PDB file of N, CA and C in Angstrom:
ATOM      1  N   MET A   1     104.918  85.064  96.353  1.00  0.00           N
ATOM      2  CA  MET A   1     103.925  84.070  95.994  1.00  0.00           C
ATOM      3  C   MET A   1     103.820  83.066  97.133  1.00  0.00           C
ATOM      4  N   LEU A   2     102.684  82.442  97.171  1.00  0.00           N
ATOM      5  CA  LEU A   2     102.466  81.386  98.146  1.00  0.00           C
ATOM      6  C   LEU A   2     103.150  80.105  97.665  1.00  0.00           C
ATOM      7  N   GLU A   3     103.602  79.296  98.598  1.00  0.00           N
ATOM      8  CA  GLU A   3     104.256  78.042  98.231  1.00  0.00           C
ATOM      9  C   GLU A   3     103.338  77.183  97.361  1.00  0.00           C
ATOM     10  N   ARG A   4     102.058  77.153  97.708  1.00  0.00           N
ATOM     11  CA  ARG A   4     101.089  76.370  96.934  1.00  0.00           C
ATOM     12  C   ARG A   4     101.005  76.869  95.492  1.00  0.00           C
ATOM     13  N   GLU A   5     101.099  78.175  95.288  1.00  0.00           N
ATOM     14  CA  GLU A   5     101.046  78.746  93.947  1.00  0.00           C
ATOM     15  C   GLU A   5     102.283  78.370  93.136  1.00  0.00           C
ATOM     16  N   VAL A   6     103.443  78.377  93.776  1.00  0.00           N
ATOM     17  CA  VAL A   6     104.674  77.974  93.101  1.00  0.00           C
ATOM     18  C   VAL A   6     104.569  76.519  92.655  1.00  0.00           C
ATOM     19  N   GLU A   7     104.063  75.676  93.521  1.00  0.00           N
ATOM     20  CA  GLU A   7     103.891  74.262  93.171  1.00  0.00           C
ATOM     21  C   GLU A   7     102.947  74.103  91.987  1.00  0.00           C
ATOM     22  N   GLN A   8     101.847  74.842  91.983  1.00  0.00           N
ATOM     23  CA  GLN A   8     100.872  74.761  90.898  1.00  0.00           C
ATOM     24  C   GLN A   8     101.481  75.228  89.576  1.00  0.00           C
ATOM     25  N   ILE A   9     102.190  76.338  89.609  1.00  0.00           N
ATOM     26  CA  ILE A   9     102.830  76.856  88.389  1.00  0.00           C
ATOM     27  C   ILE A   9     103.869  75.863  87.881  1.00  0.00           C
ATOM     28  N   SER A  10     104.624  75.267  88.780  1.00  0.00           N
ATOM     29  CA  SER A  10     105.605  74.260  88.402  1.00  0.00           C
ATOM     30  C   SER A  10     104.932  73.080  87.710  1.00  0.00           C
ATOM     31  N   ASP A  11     103.806  72.642  88.256  1.00  0.00           N
ATOM     32  CA  ASP A  11     103.066  71.523  87.670  1.00  0.00           C
ATOM     33  C   ASP A  11     102.559  71.827  86.269  1.00  0.00           C
ATOM     34  N   ILE A  12     102.015  73.025  86.052  1.00  0.00           N
ATOM     35  CA  ILE A  12     101.418  73.322  84.748  1.00  0.00           C
ATOM     36  C   ILE A  12     102.448  73.703  83.688  1.00  0.00           C
ATOM     37  N   THR A  13     103.622  74.205  84.122  1.00  0.00           N
ATOM     38  CA  THR A  13     104.638  74.642  83.155  1.00  0.00           C
ATOM     39  C   THR A  13     105.766  73.629  82.980  1.00  0.00           C
ATOM     40  N   ASN A  14     105.836  72.654  83.873  1.00  0.00           N
ATOM     41  CA  ASN A  14     106.945  71.689  83.889  1.00  0.00           C
ATOM     42  C   ASN A  14     108.293  72.361  84.133  1.00  0.00           C
ATOM     43  N   LEU A  15     108.268  73.527  84.786  1.00  0.00           N
ATOM     44  CA  LEU A  15     109.490  74.216  85.175  1.00  0.00           C
ATOM     45  C   LEU A  15     109.748  73.961  86.651  1.00  0.00           C
ATOM     46  N   LYS A  16     111.014  73.909  87.011  1.00  0.00           N
ATOM     47  CA  LYS A  16     111.371  73.810  88.421  1.00  0.00           C
ATOM     48  C   LYS A  16     111.124  75.183  89.060  1.00  0.00           C
ATOM     49  N   PRO A  17     110.704  75.215  90.323  1.00  0.00           N
ATOM     50  CA  PRO A  17     110.436  76.507  90.976  1.00  0.00           C
ATOM     51  C   PRO A  17     111.575  77.519  90.841  1.00  0.00           C
ATOM     52  N   GLU A  18     112.815  77.075  90.914  1.00  0.00           N
ATOM     53  CA  GLU A  18     113.931  78.014  90.821  1.00  0.00           C
ATOM     54  C   GLU A  18     114.115  78.593  89.416  1.00  0.00           C
ATOM     55  N   GLU A  19     113.432  78.025  88.427  1.00  0.00           N
ATOM     56  CA  GLU A  19     113.499  78.555  87.066  1.00  0.00           C
ATOM     57  C   GLU A  19     112.596  79.767  86.869  1.00  0.00           C
ATOM     58  N   PHE A  20     111.586  79.937  87.732  1.00  0.00           N
ATOM     59  CA  PHE A  20     110.667  81.065  87.575  1.00  0.00           C
ATOM     60  C   PHE A  20     110.459  81.859  88.858  1.00  0.00           C
ATOM     61  N   SER A  21     111.051  81.425  89.973  1.00  0.00           N
ATOM     62  CA  SER A  21     110.855  82.151  91.226  1.00  0.00           C
ATOM     63  C   SER A  21     112.137  82.194  92.041  1.00  0.00           C
ATOM     64  N   THR A  22     112.156  83.139  92.972  1.00  0.00           N
ATOM     65  CA  THR A  22     113.272  83.258  93.906  1.00  0.00           C
ATOM     66  C   THR A  22     112.692  83.403  95.311  1.00  0.00           C
ATOM     67  N   PRO A  23     113.452  83.013  96.320  1.00  0.00           N
ATOM     68  CA  PRO A  23     112.960  83.197  97.699  1.00  0.00           C
ATOM     69  C   PRO A  23     112.700  84.681  97.970  1.00  0.00           C
ATOM     70  N   ALA A  24     111.617  84.951  98.667  1.00  0.00           N
ATOM     71  CA  ALA A  24     111.247  86.332  98.987  1.00  0.00           C
ATOM     72  C   ALA A  24     111.659  86.667 100.408  1.00  0.00           C
ATOM     73  N   SER A  25     111.909  87.922 100.625  1.00  0.00           N
ATOM     74  CA  SER A  25     112.268  88.361 101.972  1.00  0.00           C
ATOM     75  C   SER A  25     111.033  88.745 102.773  1.00  0.00           C
ATOM     76  N   ARG A  26     109.859  88.735 102.109  1.00  0.00           N
ATOM     77  CA  ARG A  26     108.613  89.072 102.816  1.00  0.00           C
ATOM     78  C   ARG A  26     108.289  87.987 103.817  1.00  0.00           C
ATOM     79  N   SER A  27     107.439  88.330 104.726  1.00  0.00           N
ATOM     80  CA  SER A  27     107.049  87.368 105.747  1.00  0.00           C
ATOM     81  C   SER A  27     105.998  86.406 105.217  1.00  0.00           C
ATOM     82  N   GLU A  28     105.710  85.406 106.000  1.00  0.00           N
ATOM     83  CA  GLU A  28     104.714  84.396 105.653  1.00  0.00           C
ATOM     84  C   GLU A  28     103.390  85.057 105.298  1.00  0.00           C
ATOM     85  N   PRO A  29     102.616  84.477 104.441  1.00  0.00           N
ATOM     86  CA  PRO A  29     102.849  83.209 103.749  1.00  0.00           C
ATOM     87  C   PRO A  29     103.548  83.361 102.405  1.00  0.00           C
ATOM     88  N   TYR A  30     103.921  84.620 102.028  1.00  0.00           N
ATOM     89  CA  TYR A  30     104.568  84.853 100.736  1.00  0.00           C
ATOM     90  C   TYR A  30     106.049  84.485 100.820  1.00  0.00           C
ATOM     91  N   ARG A  31     106.383  83.327 100.284  1.00  0.00           N
ATOM     92  CA  ARG A  31     107.748  82.824 100.383  1.00  0.00           C
ATOM     93  C   ARG A  31     108.574  83.059  99.129  1.00  0.00           C
ATOM     94  N   TYR A  32     107.929  83.389  98.021  1.00  0.00           N
ATOM     95  CA  TYR A  32     108.626  83.514  96.741  1.00  0.00           C
ATOM     96  C   TYR A  32     108.195  84.763  96.002  1.00  0.00           C
ATOM     97  N   LYS A  33     109.065  85.201  95.098  1.00  0.00           N
ATOM     98  CA  LYS A  33     108.684  86.245  94.162  1.00  0.00           C
ATOM     99  C   LYS A  33     109.026  85.747  92.760  1.00  0.00           C
ATOM    100  N   MET A  34     108.297  86.236  91.793  1.00  0.00           N
ATOM    101  CA  MET A  34     108.449  85.808  90.412  1.00  0.00           C
ATOM    102  C   MET A  34     109.737  86.381  89.841  1.00  0.00           C
ATOM    103  N   ARG A  35     110.454  85.556  89.101  1.00  0.00           N
ATOM    104  CA  ARG A  35     111.647  86.041  88.399  1.00  0.00           C
ATOM    105  C   ARG A  35     111.208  87.003  87.303  1.00  0.00           C
ATOM    106  N   LYS A  36     112.073  87.930  86.997  1.00  0.00           N
ATOM    107  CA  LYS A  36     111.804  88.889  85.931  1.00  0.00           C
ATOM    108  C   LYS A  36     112.927  88.826  84.900  1.00  0.00           C
ATOM    109  N   GLN A  37     112.555  89.136  83.678  1.00  0.00           N
ATOM    110  CA  GLN A  37     113.520  89.208  82.592  1.00  0.00           C
ATOM    111  C   GLN A  37     113.295  90.557  81.919  1.00  0.00           C
ATOM    112  N   ASP A  38     114.328  91.350  81.820  1.00  0.00           N
ATOM    113  CA  ASP A  38     114.215  92.709  81.284  1.00  0.00           C
ATOM    114  C   ASP A  38     113.158  93.517  82.038  1.00  0.00           C
ATOM    115  N   GLY A  39     113.054  93.282  83.349  1.00  0.00           N
ATOM    116  CA  GLY A  39     112.137  94.020  84.195  1.00  0.00           C
ATOM    117  C   GLY A  39     110.695  93.546  84.163  1.00  0.00           C
ATOM    118  N   LYS A  40     110.427  92.472  83.404  1.00  0.00           N
ATOM    119  CA  LYS A  40     109.059  91.965  83.291  1.00  0.00           C
ATOM    120  C   LYS A  40     109.009  90.503  83.725  1.00  0.00           C
ATOM    121  N   CYS A  41     107.850  90.087  84.180  1.00  0.00           N
ATOM    122  CA  CYS A  41     107.629  88.701  84.575  1.00  0.00           C
ATOM    123  C   CYS A  41     108.000  87.778  83.417  1.00  0.00           C
ATOM    124  N   ILE A  42     108.641  86.672  83.731  1.00  0.00           N
ATOM    125  CA  ILE A  42     109.067  85.754  82.665  1.00  0.00           C
ATOM    126  C   ILE A  42     107.898  85.087  81.956  1.00  0.00           C
ATOM    127  N   PHE A  43     106.724  85.124  82.541  1.00  0.00           N
ATOM    128  CA  PHE A  43     105.546  84.530  81.909  1.00  0.00           C
ATOM    129  C   PHE A  43     104.763  85.529  81.060  1.00  0.00           C
ATOM    130  N   LEU A  44     105.236  86.765  80.983  1.00  0.00           N
ATOM    131  CA  LEU A  44     104.576  87.776  80.175  1.00  0.00           C
ATOM    132  C   LEU A  44     105.193  87.779  78.786  1.00  0.00           C
ATOM    133  N   LYS A  45     104.397  87.434  77.803  1.00  0.00           N
ATOM    134  CA  LYS A  45     104.832  87.421  76.396  1.00  0.00           C
ATOM    135  C   LYS A  45     104.012  88.474  75.671  1.00  0.00           C
ATOM    136  N   GLY A  46     104.666  89.574  75.318  1.00  0.00           N
ATOM    137  CA  GLY A  46     103.935  90.714  74.770  1.00  0.00           C
ATOM    138  C   GLY A  46     103.043  91.260  75.867  1.00  0.00           C
ATOM    139  N   ALA A  47     101.749  91.299  75.605  1.00  0.00           N
ATOM    140  CA  ALA A  47     100.792  91.758  76.621  1.00  0.00           C
ATOM    141  C   ALA A  47     100.047  90.593  77.256  1.00  0.00           C
ATOM    142  N   ASP A  48     100.448  89.363  76.935  1.00  0.00           N
ATOM    143  CA  ASP A  48      99.718  88.180  77.399  1.00  0.00           C
ATOM    144  C   ASP A  48     100.467  87.418  78.484  1.00  0.00           C
ATOM    145  N   CYS A  49      99.739  87.088  79.542  1.00  0.00           N
ATOM    146  CA  CYS A  49     100.278  86.253  80.617  1.00  0.00           C
ATOM    147  C   CYS A  49     100.102  84.791  80.205  1.00  0.00           C
ATOM    148  N   GLN A  50     101.196  84.051  80.174  1.00  0.00           N
ATOM    149  CA  GLN A  50     101.171  82.657  79.751  1.00  0.00           C
ATOM    150  C   GLN A  50     100.573  81.725  80.794  1.00  0.00           C
ATOM    151  N   ILE A  51     100.402  82.206  82.015  1.00  0.00           N
ATOM    152  CA  ILE A  51      99.818  81.384  83.087  1.00  0.00           C
ATOM    153  C   ILE A  51      98.598  82.081  83.683  1.00  0.00           C
ATOM    154  N   TYR A  52      97.913  82.869  82.879  1.00  0.00           N
ATOM    155  CA  TYR A  52      96.831  83.730  83.358  1.00  0.00           C
ATOM    156  C   TYR A  52      95.826  83.002  84.248  1.00  0.00           C
ATOM    157  N   ASN A  53      95.370  81.835  83.843  1.00  0.00           N
ATOM    158  CA  ASN A  53      94.371  81.106  84.633  1.00  0.00           C
ATOM    159  C   ASN A  53      94.930  80.537  85.929  1.00  0.00           C
ATOM    160  N   HIS A  54      96.243  80.562  86.081  1.00  0.00           N
ATOM    161  CA  HIS A  54      96.897  80.013  87.275  1.00  0.00           C
ATOM    162  C   HIS A  54      97.801  81.049  87.943  1.00  0.00           C
ATOM    163  N   ARG A  55      97.619  82.311  87.601  1.00  0.00           N
ATOM    164  CA  ARG A  55      98.501  83.349  88.133  1.00  0.00           C
ATOM    165  C   ARG A  55      98.316  83.477  89.645  1.00  0.00           C
ATOM    166  N   PRO A  56      99.389  83.858  90.335  1.00  0.00           N
ATOM    167  CA  PRO A  56      99.342  83.990  91.798  1.00  0.00           C
ATOM    168  C   PRO A  56      98.417  85.122  92.252  1.00  0.00           C
ATOM    169  N   LEU A  57      98.025  85.047  93.505  1.00  0.00           N
ATOM    170  CA  LEU A  57      97.171  86.047  94.127  1.00  0.00           C
ATOM    171  C   LEU A  57      97.740  87.455  93.952  1.00  0.00           C
ATOM    172  N   LEU A  58      99.027  87.612  94.152  1.00  0.00           N
ATOM    173  CA  LEU A  58      99.648  88.931  94.010  1.00  0.00           C
ATOM    174  C   LEU A  58      99.496  89.475  92.599  1.00  0.00           C
ATOM    175  N   CYS A  59      99.558  88.602  91.603  1.00  0.00           N
ATOM    176  CA  CYS A  59      99.380  89.032  90.211  1.00  0.00           C
ATOM    177  C   CYS A  59      97.932  89.425  89.945  1.00  0.00           C
ATOM    178  N   ARG A  60      97.001  88.692  90.540  1.00  0.00           N
ATOM    179  CA  ARG A  60      95.584  89.020  90.357  1.00  0.00           C
ATOM    180  C   ARG A  60      95.275  90.400  90.923  1.00  0.00           C
ATOM    181  N   PHE A  61      95.989  90.819  91.932  1.00  0.00           N
ATOM    182  CA  PHE A  61      95.751  92.110  92.579  1.00  0.00           C
ATOM    183  C   PHE A  61      96.531  93.252  91.936  1.00  0.00           C
ATOM    184  N   PHE A  62      97.552  92.954  91.134  1.00  0.00           N
ATOM    185  CA  PHE A  62      98.420  93.991  90.584  1.00  0.00           C
ATOM    186  C   PHE A  62      97.590  95.072  89.906  1.00  0.00           C
ATOM    187  N   PRO A  63      97.865  96.318  90.155  1.00  0.00           N
ATOM    188  CA  PRO A  63      99.044  96.903  90.770  1.00  0.00           C
ATOM    189  C   PRO A  63      98.909  97.150  92.270  1.00  0.00           C
ATOM    190  N   PHE A  64      97.980  96.454  92.900  1.00  0.00           N
ATOM    191  CA  PHE A  64      97.775  96.646  94.328  1.00  0.00           C
ATOM    192  C   PHE A  64      98.366  95.488  95.118  1.00  0.00           C
ATOM    193  N   CYS A  65      98.748  95.756  96.349  1.00  0.00           N
ATOM    194  CA  CYS A  65      99.180  94.707  97.263  1.00  0.00           C
ATOM    195  C   CYS A  65      98.447  94.936  98.585  1.00  0.00           C
ATOM    196  N   LEU A  66      98.208  93.856  99.268  1.00  0.00           N
ATOM    197  CA  LEU A  66      97.431  93.892 100.506  1.00  0.00           C
ATOM    198  C   LEU A  66      98.354  93.672 101.685  1.00  0.00           C
ATOM    199  N   GLU A  67      98.239  94.525 102.670  1.00  0.00           N
ATOM    200  CA  GLU A  67      99.029  94.377 103.889  1.00  0.00           C
ATOM    201  C   GLU A  67      98.091  94.319 105.082  1.00  0.00           C
ATOM    202  N   GLN A  68      98.413  93.436 106.013  1.00  0.00           N
ATOM    203  CA  GLN A  68      97.617  93.324 107.232  1.00  0.00           C
ATOM    204  C   GLN A  68      98.232  94.228 108.283  1.00  0.00           C
ATOM    205  N   LEU A  69      97.418  95.135 108.817  1.00  0.00           N
ATOM    206  CA  LEU A  69      97.897  96.099 109.809  1.00  0.00           C
ATOM    207  C   LEU A  69      97.623  95.648 111.231  1.00  0.00           C
ATOM    208  N   GLY A  70      96.612  94.833 111.402  1.00  0.00           N
ATOM    209  CA  GLY A  70      96.219  94.329 112.713  1.00  0.00           C
ATOM    210  C   GLY A  70      95.374  93.091 112.523  1.00  0.00           C
ATOM    211  N   ALA A  71      94.803  92.591 113.604  1.00  0.00           N
ATOM    212  CA  ALA A  71      94.028  91.356 113.547  1.00  0.00           C
ATOM    213  C   ALA A  71      92.928  91.417 112.486  1.00  0.00           C
ATOM    214  N   GLU A  72      92.241  92.549 112.379  1.00  0.00           N
ATOM    215  CA  GLU A  72      91.171  92.683 111.400  1.00  0.00           C
ATOM    216  C   GLU A  72      91.273  93.996 110.638  1.00  0.00           C
ATOM    217  N   SER A  73      92.498  94.462 110.450  1.00  0.00           N
ATOM    218  CA  SER A  73      92.735  95.723 109.764  1.00  0.00           C
ATOM    219  C   SER A  73      93.668  95.489 108.576  1.00  0.00           C
ATOM    220  N   PHE A  74      93.228  95.935 107.391  1.00  0.00           N
ATOM    221  CA  PHE A  74      93.990  95.705 106.173  1.00  0.00           C
ATOM    222  C   PHE A  74      94.110  96.996 105.392  1.00  0.00           C
ATOM    223  N   GLU A  75      95.145  97.045 104.556  1.00  0.00           N
ATOM    224  CA  GLU A  75      95.355  98.222 103.726  1.00  0.00           C
ATOM    225  C   GLU A  75      95.859  97.782 102.360  1.00  0.00           C
ATOM    226  N   PHE A  76      95.282  98.352 101.301  1.00  0.00           N
ATOM    227  CA  PHE A  76      95.782  98.132  99.953  1.00  0.00           C
ATOM    228  C   PHE A  76      96.726  99.275  99.612  1.00  0.00           C
ATOM    229  N   ASN A  77      97.851  98.936  99.046  1.00  0.00           N
ATOM    230  CA  ASN A  77      98.808  99.917  98.548  1.00  0.00           C
ATOM    231  C   ASN A  77      99.021  99.649  97.069  1.00  0.00           C
ATOM    232  N   SER A  78      99.570 100.613  96.351  1.00  0.00           N
ATOM    233  CA  SER A  78      99.822 100.420  94.926  1.00  0.00           C
ATOM    234  C   SER A  78     101.311 100.244  94.673  1.00  0.00           C
ATOM    235  N   SER A  79     101.605  99.527  93.597  1.00  0.00           N
ATOM    236  CA  SER A  79     102.984  99.241  93.216  1.00  0.00           C
ATOM    237  C   SER A  79     103.591 100.417  92.467  1.00  0.00           C
ATOM    238  N   GLU A  80     104.818 100.716  92.792  1.00  0.00           N
ATOM    239  CA  GLU A  80     105.542 101.772  92.094  1.00  0.00           C
ATOM    240  C   GLU A  80     105.890 101.347  90.667  1.00  0.00           C
ATOM    241  N   GLU A  81     105.807 100.044  90.378  1.00  0.00           N
ATOM    242  CA  GLU A  81     106.157  99.517  89.058  1.00  0.00           C
ATOM    243  C   GLU A  81     105.110  99.823  88.003  1.00  0.00           C
ATOM    244  N   CYS A  82     103.895 100.165  88.390  1.00  0.00           N
ATOM    245  CA  CYS A  82     102.803 100.363  87.440  1.00  0.00           C
ATOM    246  C   CYS A  82     102.784 101.811  86.937  1.00  0.00           C
ATOM    247  N   PRO A  83     103.019 102.016  85.631  1.00  0.00           N
ATOM    248  CA  PRO A  83     103.020 103.381  85.103  1.00  0.00           C
ATOM    249  C   PRO A  83     101.629 103.997  85.009  1.00  0.00           C
ATOM    250  N   GLY A  84     100.575 103.208  85.197  1.00  0.00           N
ATOM    251  CA  GLY A  84      99.217 103.714  85.078  1.00  0.00           C
ATOM    252  C   GLY A  84      98.593 104.216  86.355  1.00  0.00           C
ATOM    253  N   ILE A  85      99.322 104.098  87.472  1.00  0.00           N
ATOM    254  CA  ILE A  85      98.764 104.544  88.750  1.00  0.00           C
ATOM    255  C   ILE A  85      98.418 106.030  88.659  1.00  0.00           C
ATOM    256  N   GLY A  86      97.187 106.341  89.046  1.00  0.00           N
ATOM    257  CA  GLY A  86      96.720 107.727  89.048  1.00  0.00           C
ATOM    258  C   GLY A  86      96.138 108.195  87.725  1.00  0.00           C
ATOM    259  N   LEU A  87      96.164 107.347  86.692  1.00  0.00           N
ATOM    260  CA  LEU A  87      95.669 107.766  85.385  1.00  0.00           C
ATOM    261  C   LEU A  87      94.248 107.285  85.091  1.00  0.00           C
ATOM    262  N   GLY A  88      93.789 106.302  85.829  1.00  0.00           N
ATOM    263  CA  GLY A  88      92.464 105.734  85.567  1.00  0.00           C
ATOM    264  C   GLY A  88      91.429 106.238  86.548  1.00  0.00           C
ATOM    265  N   LYS A  89      90.282 105.555  86.520  1.00  0.00           N
ATOM    266  CA  LYS A  89      89.194 105.886  87.430  1.00  0.00           C
ATOM    267  C   LYS A  89      89.538 105.442  88.848  1.00  0.00           C
ATOM    268  N   VAL A  90      88.975 106.126  89.808  1.00  0.00           N
ATOM    269  CA  VAL A  90      89.122 105.732  91.209  1.00  0.00           C
ATOM    270  C   VAL A  90      88.312 104.453  91.408  1.00  0.00           C
ATOM    271  N   ILE A  91      88.931 103.465  92.037  1.00  0.00           N
ATOM    272  CA  ILE A  91      88.267 102.180  92.243  1.00  0.00           C
ATOM    273  C   ILE A  91      87.403 102.268  93.499  1.00  0.00           C
ATOM    274  N   GLU A  92      86.193 101.772  93.365  1.00  0.00           N
ATOM    275  CA  GLU A  92      85.245 101.788  94.469  1.00  0.00           C
ATOM    276  C   GLU A  92      85.687 100.842  95.585  1.00  0.00           C
ATOM    277  N   GLU A  93      85.334 101.198  96.810  1.00  0.00           N
ATOM    278  CA  GLU A  93      85.663 100.377  97.974  1.00  0.00           C
ATOM    279  C   GLU A  93      85.136  98.949  97.825  1.00  0.00           C
ATOM    280  N   GLU A  94      83.997  98.804  97.180  1.00  0.00           N
ATOM    281  CA  GLU A  94      83.383  97.486  96.978  1.00  0.00           C
ATOM    282  C   GLU A  94      84.339  96.520  96.254  1.00  0.00           C
ATOM    283  N   ILE A  95      85.086  97.023  95.284  1.00  0.00           N
ATOM    284  CA  ILE A  95      86.052  96.185  94.544  1.00  0.00           C
ATOM    285  C   ILE A  95      87.155  95.713  95.481  1.00  0.00           C
ATOM    286  N   PHE A  96      87.641  96.608  96.336  1.00  0.00           N
ATOM    287  CA  PHE A  96      88.683  96.225  97.289  1.00  0.00           C
ATOM    288  C   PHE A  96      88.162  95.196  98.296  1.00  0.00           C
ATOM    289  N   MET A  97      86.892  95.300  98.659  1.00  0.00           N
ATOM    290  CA  MET A  97      86.311  94.313  99.582  1.00  0.00           C
ATOM    291  C   MET A  97      86.249  92.931  98.915  1.00  0.00           C
ATOM    292  N   VAL A  98      85.928  92.895  97.639  1.00  0.00           N
ATOM    293  CA  VAL A  98      85.926  91.633  96.897  1.00  0.00           C
ATOM    294  C   VAL A  98      87.343  91.051  96.891  1.00  0.00           C
ATOM    295  N   MET A  99      88.344  91.892  96.623  1.00  0.00           N
ATOM    296  CA  MET A  99      89.736  91.438  96.606  1.00  0.00           C
ATOM    297  C   MET A  99      90.166  90.938  97.985  1.00  0.00           C
ATOM    298  N   LEU A 100      89.786  91.660  99.032  1.00  0.00           N
ATOM    299  CA  LEU A 100      90.130  91.254 100.388  1.00  0.00           C
ATOM    300  C   LEU A 100      89.524  89.889 100.705  1.00  0.00           C
ATOM    301  N   ASN A 101      88.269  89.701 100.373  1.00  0.00           N
ATOM    302  CA  ASN A 101      87.621  88.410 100.637  1.00  0.00           C
ATOM    303  C   ASN A 101      88.276  87.284  99.851  1.00  0.00           C
ATOM    304  N   GLU A 102      88.692  87.564  98.626  1.00  0.00           N
ATOM    305  CA  GLU A 102      89.396  86.561  97.824  1.00  0.00           C
ATOM    306  C   GLU A 102      90.704  86.161  98.512  1.00  0.00           C
ATOM    307  N   ALA A 103      91.447  87.154  98.979  1.00  0.00           N
ATOM    308  CA  ALA A 103      92.716  86.875  99.661  1.00  0.00           C
ATOM    309  C   ALA A 103      92.480  86.075 100.933  1.00  0.00           C
ATOM    310  N   LEU A 104      91.502  86.471 101.712  1.00  0.00           N
ATOM    311  CA  LEU A 104      91.221  85.767 102.963  1.00  0.00           C
ATOM    312  C   LEU A 104      90.800  84.324 102.706  1.00  0.00           C
ATOM    313  N   ASN A 105      90.032  84.081 101.649  1.00  0.00           N
ATOM    314  CA  ASN A 105      89.630  82.715 101.309  1.00  0.00           C
ATOM    315  C   ASN A 105      90.828  81.863 100.893  1.00  0.00           C
ATOM    316  N   VAL A 106      91.693  82.425 100.070  1.00  0.00           N
ATOM    317  CA  VAL A 106      92.892  81.691  99.642  1.00  0.00           C
ATOM    318  C   VAL A 106      93.754  81.355 100.853  1.00  0.00           C
ATOM    319  N   LEU A 107      93.982  82.329 101.706  1.00  0.00           N
ATOM    320  CA  LEU A 107      94.848  82.129 102.860  1.00  0.00           C
ATOM    321  C   LEU A 107      94.222  81.202 103.892  1.00  0.00           C
ATOM    322  N   LYS A 108      92.910  81.239 104.024  1.00  0.00           N
ATOM    323  CA  LYS A 108      92.218  80.337 104.941  1.00  0.00           C
ATOM    324  C   LYS A 108      92.445  78.876 104.528  1.00  0.00           C
ATOM    325  N   ASN A 109      92.467  78.649 103.211  1.00  0.00           N
ATOM    326  CA  ASN A 109      92.660  77.305 102.687  1.00  0.00           C
ATOM    327  C   ASN A 109      94.060  76.753 102.939  1.00  0.00           C
ATOM    328  N   ILE A 110      95.040  77.655 103.197  1.00  0.00           N
ATOM    329  CA  ILE A 110      96.397  77.178 103.472  1.00  0.00           C
ATOM    330  C   ILE A 110      96.789  77.414 104.925  1.00  0.00           C
ATOM    331  N   GLY A 111      95.873  77.980 105.691  1.00  0.00           N
ATOM    332  CA  GLY A 111      96.152  78.228 107.106  1.00  0.00           C
ATOM    333  C   GLY A 111      97.128  79.353 107.337  1.00  0.00           C
ATOM    334  N   GLY A 112      97.147  80.350 106.448  1.00  0.00           N
ATOM    335  CA  GLY A 112      98.100  81.457 106.572  1.00  0.00           C
ATOM    336  C   GLY A 112      97.431  82.750 106.938  1.00  0.00           C
ATOM    337  N   SER A 113      98.215  83.804 106.958  1.00  0.00           N
ATOM    338  CA  SER A 113      97.710  85.155 107.172  1.00  0.00           C
ATOM    339  C   SER A 113      98.349  86.045 106.118  1.00  0.00           C
ATOM    340  N   ILE A 114      97.920  87.269 106.049  1.00  0.00           N
ATOM    341  CA  ILE A 114      98.415  88.190 105.033  1.00  0.00           C
ATOM    342  C   ILE A 114      99.869  88.573 105.271  1.00  0.00           C
ATOM    343  N   THR A 115     100.236  88.865 106.484  1.00  0.00           N
ATOM    344  CA  THR A 115     101.582  89.360 106.759  1.00  0.00           C
ATOM    345  C   THR A 115     102.618  88.273 106.679  1.00  0.00           C
TER     346      THR A 115
END
């Protein structure tokens, strides 16, 4: 997660960042990852996300993650955690372009990059 996202979640939940996140080993700008309980995000209650309107960029993209391969080259990969991978419809490139633009806008606002 982005540092800004951790701060926002902390503000809306009144939880300290260490109560719901841990430092991530990924490179900038993703400094944190969400804590899990029984293999699931701590904000997931049943099938409902308790912070849905404030969920991090990575959660909005799940089960996909975006990696920057070069200055203007990006690749979406899928998470091994999602049991539905390969069972649904093939997603059109247009949807991935919307997701890419969303990520670039978020990162532009914090002065970061994908990697």
